[in-house]
Amino acid sequence: MTSETASPSITELLARDHRRLDDLFGRLLAAMSETGAAGATDFVETGAAPDAIRRFDAALRRHTALEEEHLFPAPPGKKLAATPDESPHERLFRELRLEHVQVRELSAMIVHLLSGGGAPDRARGLAASLARRWDAHTTREEGEAYPLLSELLDPAGEAAIRDALSRF
């Protein structure tokens, strides 16, 4: 089998999904930068930004749920607080799960603000914060967590991830 016909690795597929999410988020930022005759709230009134954030939010929730179910084992007691005896891998996965909570919350707040038809300046501020957090999070996952997958991911988990990503 040549490298041209080989299936992409699971880490490549997950990174591609990050790029897909980046693209969806970029569409939100582009929609939010558009203003017209009505002024700064055009991006809310035209529906472009509310639609873009709803698409991003839905994709983000699918992606993070997939990772939490198959890649990042739940911490003991399903708590996100550190435990004195956690291993470095457990700490990394717990922190990544906590970052998932944070980016989902920011995304949900933007959905709420833009769906309500108001607060475009607050939505812009939250979008800037989400952009920074999302970039740092994906960099960390791809650099620290994904290289560990070959030793931690079982074949059934990999198959489930491949199947889910093929549907996204």
C-alpha atoms as a PDB file:
ATOM      1  CA  MET A   1       0.000   0.000   0.000  1.00  0.00           C
ATOM      2  CA  THR A   2       1.410   3.399  -0.914  1.00  0.00           C
ATOM      3  CA  SER A   3       1.199   6.480   1.244  1.00  0.00           C
ATOM      4  CA  GLU A   4      -1.204   7.943  -1.339  1.00  0.00           C
ATOM      5  CA  THR A   5      -3.793   5.224  -0.670  1.00  0.00           C
ATOM      6  CA  ALA A   6      -3.206   4.810   3.059  1.00  0.00           C
ATOM      7  CA  SER A   7      -5.898   6.041   5.379  1.00  0.00           C
ATOM      8  CA  PRO A   8      -4.966   9.171   7.300  1.00  0.00           C
ATOM      9  CA  SER A   9      -3.913   8.565  10.878  1.00  0.00           C
ATOM     10  CA  ILE A  10      -6.386   9.285  13.642  1.00  0.00           C
ATOM     11  CA  THR A  11      -4.310  12.299  14.684  1.00  0.00           C
ATOM     12  CA  GLU A  12      -4.460  13.656  11.129  1.00  0.00           C
ATOM     13  CA  LEU A  13      -8.231  13.210  11.064  1.00  0.00           C
ATOM     14  CA  LEU A  14      -8.652  14.981  14.385  1.00  0.00           C
ATOM     15  CA  ALA A  15      -6.378  17.831  13.290  1.00  0.00           C
ATOM     16  CA  ARG A  16      -8.418  18.131  10.070  1.00  0.00           C
ATOM     17  CA  ASP A  17     -11.534  18.448  12.188  1.00  0.00           C
ATOM     18  CA  HIS A  18      -9.824  21.241  14.132  1.00  0.00           C
ATOM     19  CA  ARG A  19      -9.185  23.009  10.793  1.00  0.00           C
ATOM     20  CA  ARG A  20     -12.846  22.518   9.856  1.00  0.00           C
ATOM     21  CA  LEU A  21     -13.824  24.173  13.133  1.00  0.00           C
ATOM     22  CA  ASP A  22     -11.290  26.945  12.477  1.00  0.00           C
ATOM     23  CA  ASP A  23     -12.988  27.551   9.130  1.00  0.00           C
ATOM     24  CA  LEU A  24     -16.434  27.693  10.729  1.00  0.00           C
ATOM     25  CA  PHE A  25     -15.161  30.111  13.358  1.00  0.00           C
ATOM     26  CA  GLY A  26     -13.497  32.201  10.658  1.00  0.00           C
ATOM     27  CA  ARG A  27     -16.891  32.527   8.981  1.00  0.00           C
ATOM     28  CA  LEU A  28     -18.275  33.941  12.223  1.00  0.00           C
ATOM     29  CA  LEU A  29     -15.447  36.444  12.484  1.00  0.00           C
ATOM     30  CA  ALA A  30     -15.915  37.460   8.853  1.00  0.00           C
ATOM     31  CA  ALA A  31     -19.659  37.901   9.384  1.00  0.00           C
ATOM     32  CA  MET A  32     -19.019  39.975  12.505  1.00  0.00           C
ATOM     33  CA  SER A  33     -16.624  42.257  10.667  1.00  0.00           C
ATOM     34  CA  GLU A  34     -19.271  43.164   8.083  1.00  0.00           C
ATOM     35  CA  THR A  35     -21.050  46.448   8.635  1.00  0.00           C
ATOM     36  CA  GLY A  36     -23.303  48.298   6.293  1.00  0.00           C
ATOM     37  CA  ALA A  37     -25.579  51.286   6.164  1.00  0.00           C
ATOM     38  CA  ALA A  38     -27.302  50.308   9.394  1.00  0.00           C
ATOM     39  CA  GLY A  39     -23.992  50.281  11.262  1.00  0.00           C
ATOM     40  CA  ALA A  40     -22.302  47.898  13.646  1.00  0.00           C
ATOM     41  CA  THR A  41     -25.323  45.667  14.228  1.00  0.00           C
ATOM     42  CA  ASP A  42     -25.715  44.640  10.566  1.00  0.00           C
ATOM     43  CA  PHE A  43     -24.013  41.327  11.253  1.00  0.00           C
ATOM     44  CA  VAL A  44     -26.752  40.487  13.749  1.00  0.00           C
ATOM     45  CA  GLU A  45     -29.609  41.812  11.670  1.00  0.00           C
ATOM     46  CA  THR A  46     -28.601  40.024   8.461  1.00  0.00           C
ATOM     47  CA  GLY A  47     -28.480  36.688  10.245  1.00  0.00           C
ATOM     48  CA  ALA A  48     -25.001  35.853   8.943  1.00  0.00           C
ATOM     49  CA  ALA A  49     -23.302  35.933  12.338  1.00  0.00           C
ATOM     50  CA  PRO A  50     -26.061  34.168  14.284  1.00  0.00           C
ATOM     51  CA  ASP A  51     -26.090  31.412  11.661  1.00  0.00           C
ATOM     52  CA  ALA A  52     -22.280  31.149  11.701  1.00  0.00           C
ATOM     53  CA  ILE A  53     -22.041  30.861  15.486  1.00  0.00           C
ATOM     54  CA  ARG A  54     -24.824  28.261  15.616  1.00  0.00           C
ATOM     55  CA  ARG A  55     -22.963  26.154  13.045  1.00  0.00           C
ATOM     56  CA  PHE A  56     -19.661  26.528  14.908  1.00  0.00           C
ATOM     57  CA  ASP A  57     -21.275  25.805  18.275  1.00  0.00           C
ATOM     58  CA  ALA A  58     -22.955  22.612  17.028  1.00  0.00           C
ATOM     59  CA  ALA A  59     -19.718  21.375  15.426  1.00  0.00           C
ATOM     60  CA  LEU A  60     -17.706  22.282  18.536  1.00  0.00           C
ATOM     61  CA  ARG A  61     -20.072  20.314  20.755  1.00  0.00           C
ATOM     62  CA  ARG A  62     -19.882  17.239  18.497  1.00  0.00           C
ATOM     63  CA  HIS A  63     -16.083  17.419  18.345  1.00  0.00           C
ATOM     64  CA  THR A  64     -15.526  17.870  22.086  1.00  0.00           C
ATOM     65  CA  ALA A  65     -18.070  15.166  22.962  1.00  0.00           C
ATOM     66  CA  LEU A  66     -16.250  12.764  20.641  1.00  0.00           C
ATOM     67  CA  GLU A  67     -12.893  13.532  22.256  1.00  0.00           C
ATOM     68  CA  GLU A  68     -14.288  13.253  25.767  1.00  0.00           C
ATOM     69  CA  GLU A  69     -15.981   9.957  25.032  1.00  0.00           C
ATOM     70  CA  HIS A  70     -13.061   8.263  23.273  1.00  0.00           C
ATOM     71  CA  LEU A  71      -9.791  10.120  23.880  1.00  0.00           C
ATOM     72  CA  PHE A  72      -9.681  11.855  27.225  1.00  0.00           C
ATOM     73  CA  PRO A  73     -10.706   9.499  29.997  1.00  0.00           C
ATOM     74  CA  ALA A  74     -13.008  10.999  32.595  1.00  0.00           C
ATOM     75  CA  PRO A  75     -11.184  11.869  35.798  1.00  0.00           C
ATOM     76  CA  PRO A  76     -12.058   9.950  38.965  1.00  0.00           C
ATOM     77  CA  GLY A  77     -15.540  10.882  40.107  1.00  0.00           C
ATOM     78  CA  LYS A  78     -15.932  12.845  36.846  1.00  0.00           C
ATOM     79  CA  LYS A  79     -14.682  15.956  38.659  1.00  0.00           C
ATOM     80  CA  LEU A  80     -12.430  18.465  36.940  1.00  0.00           C
ATOM     81  CA  ALA A  81     -10.545  19.323  40.129  1.00  0.00           C
ATOM     82  CA  ALA A  82      -6.989  18.083  40.484  1.00  0.00           C
ATOM     83  CA  THR A  83      -6.307  15.083  42.673  1.00  0.00           C
ATOM     84  CA  PRO A  84      -3.064  14.642  44.593  1.00  0.00           C
ATOM     85  CA  ASP A  85      -2.256  11.338  42.916  1.00  0.00           C
ATOM     86  CA  GLU A  86      -3.079  12.135  39.284  1.00  0.00           C
ATOM     87  CA  SER A  87      -0.513  11.143  36.693  1.00  0.00           C
ATOM     88  CA  PRO A  88       0.813  13.607  34.120  1.00  0.00           C
ATOM     89  CA  HIS A  89      -1.493  12.042  31.492  1.00  0.00           C
ATOM     90  CA  GLU A  90      -4.495  12.299  33.798  1.00  0.00           C
ATOM     91  CA  ARG A  91      -3.651  15.942  34.505  1.00  0.00           C
ATOM     92  CA  LEU A  92      -3.344  16.717  30.792  1.00  0.00           C
ATOM     93  CA  PHE A  93      -6.647  15.051  29.930  1.00  0.00           C
ATOM     94  CA  ARG A  94      -8.445  16.689  32.875  1.00  0.00           C
ATOM     95  CA  GLU A  95      -7.142  20.092  31.826  1.00  0.00           C
ATOM     96  CA  LEU A  96      -8.183  19.524  28.205  1.00  0.00           C
ATOM     97  CA  ARG A  97     -11.673  18.555  29.358  1.00  0.00           C
ATOM     98  CA  LEU A  98     -11.795  21.738  31.434  1.00  0.00           C
ATOM     99  CA  GLU A  99     -10.740  23.730  28.363  1.00  0.00           C
ATOM    100  CA  HIS A 100     -13.609  22.053  26.471  1.00  0.00           C
ATOM    101  CA  VAL A 101     -16.031  23.339  29.098  1.00  0.00           C
ATOM    102  CA  GLN A 102     -14.576  26.838  28.771  1.00  0.00           C
ATOM    103  CA  VAL A 103     -14.735  27.036  24.954  1.00  0.00           C
ATOM    104  CA  ARG A 104     -18.242  25.560  24.887  1.00  0.00           C
ATOM    105  CA  GLU A 105     -19.384  28.115  27.446  1.00  0.00           C
ATOM    106  CA  LEU A 106     -17.928  31.015  25.469  1.00  0.00           C
ATOM    107  CA  SER A 107     -19.506  29.711  22.287  1.00  0.00           C
ATOM    108  CA  ALA A 108     -22.888  29.314  24.014  1.00  0.00           C
ATOM    109  CA  MET A 109     -22.699  32.870  25.338  1.00  0.00           C
ATOM    110  CA  ILE A 110     -22.081  34.181  21.820  1.00  0.00           C
ATOM    111  CA  VAL A 111     -24.988  32.109  20.491  1.00  0.00           C
ATOM    112  CA  HIS A 112     -27.195  33.631  23.181  1.00  0.00           C
ATOM    113  CA  LEU A 113     -26.082  37.200  22.477  1.00  0.00           C
ATOM    114  CA  LEU A 114     -26.435  36.937  18.719  1.00  0.00           C
ATOM    115  CA  SER A 115     -29.683  34.996  18.792  1.00  0.00           C
ATOM    116  CA  GLY A 116     -31.207  37.663  21.015  1.00  0.00           C
ATOM    117  CA  GLY A 117     -30.476  40.291  18.396  1.00  0.00           C
ATOM    118  CA  GLY A 118     -28.391  42.515  20.617  1.00  0.00           C
ATOM    119  CA  ALA A 119     -25.084  43.202  22.315  1.00  0.00           C
ATOM    120  CA  PRO A 120     -22.872  42.991  19.218  1.00  0.00           C
ATOM    121  CA  ASP A 121     -19.938  44.621  21.004  1.00  0.00           C
ATOM    122  CA  ARG A 122     -20.100  42.077  23.834  1.00  0.00           C
ATOM    123  CA  ALA A 123     -20.342  39.262  21.264  1.00  0.00           C
ATOM    124  CA  ARG A 124     -17.241  40.630  19.518  1.00  0.00           C
ATOM    125  CA  GLY A 125     -15.320  40.655  22.791  1.00  0.00           C
ATOM    126  CA  LEU A 126     -16.354  37.106  23.589  1.00  0.00           C
ATOM    127  CA  ALA A 127     -15.449  36.003  20.057  1.00  0.00           C
ATOM    128  CA  ALA A 128     -11.952  37.450  20.523  1.00  0.00           C
ATOM    129  CA  SER A 129     -11.592  35.544  23.791  1.00  0.00           C
ATOM    130  CA  LEU A 130     -12.907  32.362  22.197  1.00  0.00           C
ATOM    131  CA  ALA A 131     -10.467  32.737  19.299  1.00  0.00           C
ATOM    132  CA  ARG A 132      -7.513  32.927  21.707  1.00  0.00           C
ATOM    133  CA  ARG A 133      -8.688  30.025  23.842  1.00  0.00           C
ATOM    134  CA  TRP A 134      -9.584  27.827  20.867  1.00  0.00           C
ATOM    135  CA  ASP A 135      -6.192  28.403  19.245  1.00  0.00           C
ATOM    136  CA  ALA A 136      -4.310  27.624  22.461  1.00  0.00           C
ATOM    137  CA  HIS A 137      -6.464  24.553  23.075  1.00  0.00           C
ATOM    138  CA  THR A 138      -6.039  23.019  19.629  1.00  0.00           C
ATOM    139  CA  THR A 139      -2.305  23.718  19.708  1.00  0.00           C
ATOM    140  CA  ARG A 140      -2.087  21.910  23.029  1.00  0.00           C
ATOM    141  CA  GLU A 141      -4.184  18.949  21.905  1.00  0.00           C
ATOM    142  CA  GLU A 142      -2.240  18.482  18.693  1.00  0.00           C
ATOM    143  CA  GLY A 143       1.145  18.985  20.356  1.00  0.00           C
ATOM    144  CA  GLU A 144       0.687  17.193  23.673  1.00  0.00           C
ATOM    145  CA  ALA A 145      -2.340  14.891  23.662  1.00  0.00           C
ATOM    146  CA  TYR A 146      -2.600  13.540  20.127  1.00  0.00           C
ATOM    147  CA  PRO A 147       0.949  12.119  20.129  1.00  0.00           C
ATOM    148  CA  LEU A 148      -0.124   9.938  23.081  1.00  0.00           C
ATOM    149  CA  LEU A 149      -3.020   8.363  21.204  1.00  0.00           C
ATOM    150  CA  SER A 150      -1.029   5.546  19.655  1.00  0.00           C
ATOM    151  CA  GLU A 151      -0.340   4.151  23.125  1.00  0.00           C
ATOM    152  CA  LEU A 152      -3.719   4.946  24.701  1.00  0.00           C
ATOM    153  CA  LEU A 153      -6.422   4.519  22.061  1.00  0.00           C
ATOM    154  CA  ASP A 154      -7.915   1.083  21.595  1.00  0.00           C
ATOM    155  CA  PRO A 155      -9.037  -0.161  18.144  1.00  0.00           C
ATOM    156  CA  ALA A 156     -12.739   0.165  19.010  1.00  0.00           C
ATOM    157  CA  GLY A 157     -12.260   3.772  20.107  1.00  0.00           C
ATOM    158  CA  GLU A 158     -10.324   4.578  16.949  1.00  0.00           C
ATOM    159  CA  ALA A 159     -13.037   2.995  14.805  1.00  0.00           C
ATOM    160  CA  ALA A 160     -15.728   5.011  16.594  1.00  0.00           C
ATOM    161  CA  ILE A 161     -13.786   8.242  16.063  1.00  0.00           C
ATOM    162  CA  ARG A 162     -13.169   7.487  12.388  1.00  0.00           C
ATOM    163  CA  ASP A 163     -16.866   6.723  11.891  1.00  0.00           C
ATOM    164  CA  ALA A 164     -18.003   9.900  13.673  1.00  0.00           C
ATOM    165  CA  LEU A 165     -15.519  12.105  11.817  1.00  0.00           C
ATOM    166  CA  SER A 166     -16.592  10.653   8.490  1.00  0.00           C
ATOM    167  CA  ARG A 167     -20.128  11.847   9.251  1.00  0.00           C
ATOM    168  CA  PHE A 168     -19.044  15.370  10.209  1.00  0.00           C
END
